[in-house]
């Protein structure tokens, strides 16, 4: 009986010692992981920096005249300001005319964020060909040299989507874009 009592009294002491060992191992593991992550972050080089002025914008495309079919459509304008990619634009049409090739055009109103008058720079960027359901996607990538002459200023921009060279089917509203 005395042996059973002594054994029962030692169990809490052993449990506490085991918990201390487990806690100590967990703390050491956490410290090692933290040090490892810090080392990886330090060795990975400088972080990529996005555009500090204009980051990214999602603009809906609207049918011109209200007669063209379009369930949804948009332009995603992403400014990375990187050394090789200055900007990346993504164009999406959903429920437009099936099996049709469209042309996306960037209409830049130089120094005019209100888009008054006519565009000073017009850049055809990418064709979009829709599938049988009228869905299509395209993108365009711009280098820093593509933005020469437009940087360090705010401009108005309207994206248009046309069939052929002149028939605008979809458009965004005027967007003020600041390029750094």
Protein backbone atom coordinates (compact mmCIF):
# COMPACT_ATOMS: atom_id res chain seq x y z
CA UNK A 1 0.00 0.00 0.00
CA UNK A 2 2.83 2.36 0.91
CA UNK A 3 4.47 1.60 -2.44
CA UNK A 4 1.25 2.50 -4.30
CA UNK A 5 0.98 5.83 -2.43
CA UNK A 6 4.64 6.72 -3.21
CA UNK A 7 4.16 5.80 -6.84
CA UNK A 8 1.03 7.94 -7.08
CA UNK A 9 2.89 10.89 -5.52
CA UNK A 10 5.73 10.65 -8.10
CA UNK A 11 3.39 10.70 -11.14
CA UNK A 12 2.61 14.46 -10.97
CA UNK A 13 6.34 15.21 -10.73
CA UNK A 14 7.02 13.09 -13.81
CA UNK A 15 4.11 14.72 -15.65
CA UNK A 16 5.47 18.20 -14.90
CA UNK A 17 8.95 17.21 -16.06
CA UNK A 18 7.54 15.75 -19.28
CA UNK A 19 5.51 18.93 -19.91
CA UNK A 20 8.64 21.07 -19.34
CA UNK A 21 10.59 18.97 -21.85
CA UNK A 22 7.77 19.23 -24.44
CA UNK A 23 7.44 23.00 -23.89
CA UNK A 24 11.19 23.43 -24.14
CA UNK A 25 11.26 21.47 -27.43
CA UNK A 26 8.33 23.49 -28.83
CA UNK A 27 10.03 26.77 -27.91
CA UNK A 28 13.28 25.63 -29.54
CA UNK A 29 11.41 24.58 -32.68
CA UNK A 30 9.58 27.92 -32.85
CA UNK A 31 12.86 29.82 -32.44
CA UNK A 32 14.52 27.73 -35.17
CA UNK A 33 11.62 28.31 -37.57
CA UNK A 34 11.64 32.04 -36.90
CA UNK A 35 15.39 32.24 -37.48
CA UNK A 36 15.03 30.17 -40.66
CA UNK A 37 12.28 32.39 -42.06
CA UNK A 38 14.31 35.50 -41.25
CA UNK A 39 17.32 34.03 -43.07
CA UNK A 40 15.24 33.16 -46.15
CA UNK A 41 13.76 36.66 -46.23
CA UNK A 42 17.22 38.23 -45.94
CA UNK A 43 18.72 36.04 -48.68
CA UNK A 44 15.86 36.41 -51.14
CA UNK A 45 17.06 39.82 -52.33
CA UNK A 46 15.14 43.05 -52.68
CA UNK A 47 11.37 42.81 -52.73
CA UNK A 48 9.51 43.56 -55.95
CA UNK A 49 7.82 46.90 -55.63
CA UNK A 50 4.50 47.68 -57.26
CA UNK A 51 3.67 51.12 -58.58
CA UNK A 52 3.61 53.46 -55.61
CA UNK A 53 1.11 55.88 -57.20
CA UNK A 54 -1.32 53.77 -59.25
CA UNK A 55 -1.67 50.13 -58.29
CA UNK A 56 -4.45 48.24 -60.02
CA UNK A 57 -7.92 49.06 -61.23
CA UNK A 58 -10.86 46.94 -62.38
CA UNK A 59 -13.09 48.76 -64.91
CA UNK A 60 -16.35 47.41 -66.27
CA UNK A 61 -16.95 47.43 -70.02
CA UNK A 62 -20.36 48.75 -71.09
CA UNK A 63 -22.12 48.17 -74.43
CA UNK A 64 -22.19 51.24 -76.68
CA UNK A 65 -25.73 52.09 -77.73
CA UNK A 66 -27.17 49.27 -75.65
CA UNK A 67 -27.74 46.96 -78.64
CA UNK A 68 -24.66 44.72 -78.36
CA UNK A 69 -24.94 41.60 -76.22
CA UNK A 70 -22.64 41.52 -73.20
CA UNK A 71 -23.28 39.65 -69.98
CA UNK A 72 -20.15 41.14 -68.41
CA UNK A 73 -16.77 42.43 -69.42
CA UNK A 74 -13.89 44.26 -67.86
CA UNK A 75 -10.40 45.68 -68.13
CA UNK A 76 -7.96 44.96 -65.30
CA UNK A 77 -5.15 47.51 -65.42
CA UNK A 78 -2.18 46.45 -63.26
CA UNK A 79 0.86 48.69 -62.87
CA UNK A 80 3.86 46.75 -61.62
CA UNK A 81 6.45 49.43 -62.44
CA UNK A 82 9.08 46.73 -62.78
CA UNK A 83 12.30 46.92 -64.75
CA UNK A 84 10.93 44.72 -67.57
CA UNK A 85 7.14 44.95 -67.14
CA UNK A 86 5.73 48.42 -66.51
CA UNK A 87 2.05 47.47 -66.79
CA UNK A 88 -0.10 44.43 -67.54
CA UNK A 89 -3.68 44.73 -68.78
CA UNK A 90 -6.22 41.91 -68.86
CA UNK A 91 -9.34 42.13 -71.04
CA UNK A 92 -12.37 39.86 -70.55
CA UNK A 93 -15.66 39.56 -72.44
CA UNK A 94 -18.44 37.26 -71.23
CA UNK A 95 -21.59 36.77 -73.29
CA UNK A 96 -20.53 38.99 -76.21
CA UNK A 97 -21.17 38.03 -79.83
CA UNK A 98 -19.96 34.45 -80.42
CA UNK A 99 -17.00 33.63 -82.70
CA UNK A 100 -16.07 37.29 -83.16
CA UNK A 101 -12.67 38.97 -83.12
CA UNK A 102 -12.59 42.31 -81.31
CA UNK A 103 -9.76 44.85 -81.00
CA UNK A 104 -8.99 46.52 -77.65
CA UNK A 105 -7.72 50.08 -77.97
CA UNK A 106 -6.24 52.36 -75.33
CA UNK A 107 -7.34 55.98 -75.84
CA UNK A 108 -5.05 58.29 -73.84
CA UNK A 109 -6.03 61.90 -73.21
CA UNK A 110 -2.55 63.26 -72.49
CA UNK A 111 -2.52 65.51 -69.42
CA UNK A 112 -6.33 65.56 -69.35
CA UNK A 113 -7.74 63.33 -66.58
CA UNK A 114 -11.31 64.34 -67.54
CA UNK A 115 -11.00 62.92 -71.09
CA UNK A 116 -12.29 66.16 -72.66
CA UNK A 117 -11.81 66.56 -76.39
CA UNK A 118 -10.13 63.81 -78.39
CA UNK A 119 -7.49 61.30 -77.39
CA UNK A 120 -3.93 62.44 -78.07
CA UNK A 121 -2.54 58.90 -78.15
CA UNK A 122 -4.44 55.87 -79.51
CA UNK A 123 -2.83 52.45 -79.01
CA UNK A 124 -4.36 49.20 -80.31
CA UNK A 125 -3.33 46.74 -77.59
CA UNK A 126 -4.72 43.23 -78.15
CA UNK A 127 -7.31 41.28 -80.14
CA UNK A 128 -9.94 39.22 -78.30
CA UNK A 129 -11.57 36.32 -80.14
CA UNK A 130 -14.70 35.00 -78.48
CA UNK A 131 -15.71 31.34 -78.42
CA UNK A 132 -19.12 29.93 -79.34
CA UNK A 133 -20.61 31.27 -76.08
CA UNK A 134 -19.24 34.77 -76.67
CA UNK A 135 -16.50 34.51 -74.04
CA UNK A 136 -12.96 35.72 -74.65
CA UNK A 137 -9.84 36.87 -72.85
CA UNK A 138 -6.69 38.68 -73.91
CA UNK A 139 -3.94 40.66 -72.30
CA UNK A 140 -1.24 43.19 -73.13
CA UNK A 141 2.08 43.83 -71.44
CA UNK A 142 3.84 47.20 -71.54
CA UNK A 143 7.55 47.79 -70.94
CA UNK A 144 8.99 50.91 -69.30
CA UNK A 145 10.00 52.23 -72.75
CA UNK A 146 6.36 51.91 -73.90
CA UNK A 147 5.44 54.53 -71.29
CA UNK A 148 8.18 57.00 -72.28
CA UNK A 149 6.75 60.46 -72.78
CA UNK A 150 3.73 59.68 -70.59
CA UNK A 151 5.41 59.08 -67.23
CA UNK A 152 5.30 61.45 -64.24
CA UNK A 153 1.88 62.82 -65.17
CA UNK A 154 -1.85 62.14 -64.85
CA UNK A 155 -3.83 61.30 -67.98
CA UNK A 156 -7.39 60.35 -68.82
CA UNK A 157 -7.81 56.91 -70.39
CA UNK A 158 -10.78 55.21 -72.07
CA UNK A 159 -10.54 51.59 -73.23
CA UNK A 160 -12.65 50.68 -76.25
CA UNK A 161 -13.44 47.29 -77.78
CA UNK A 162 -14.22 47.37 -81.48
CA UNK A 163 -15.15 45.08 -84.34
CA UNK A 164 -13.14 45.99 -87.40
CA UNK A 165 -11.23 49.22 -87.25
CA UNK A 166 -13.88 51.73 -86.27
CA UNK A 167 -17.08 50.23 -84.86
CA UNK A 168 -16.82 50.58 -81.07
CA UNK A 169 -18.98 47.97 -79.32
CA UNK A 170 -17.89 48.33 -75.67
CA UNK A 171 -16.17 51.03 -73.63
CA UNK A 172 -15.05 51.90 -70.13
CA UNK A 173 -15.71 55.27 -68.61
CA UNK A 174 -12.91 57.83 -68.41
CA UNK A 175 -10.28 56.81 -65.86
CA UNK A 176 -7.65 59.14 -64.41
CA UNK A 177 -4.33 57.28 -64.47
CA UNK A 178 -1.22 58.65 -62.77
CA UNK A 179 2.03 57.24 -64.12
CA UNK A 180 5.21 57.55 -62.10
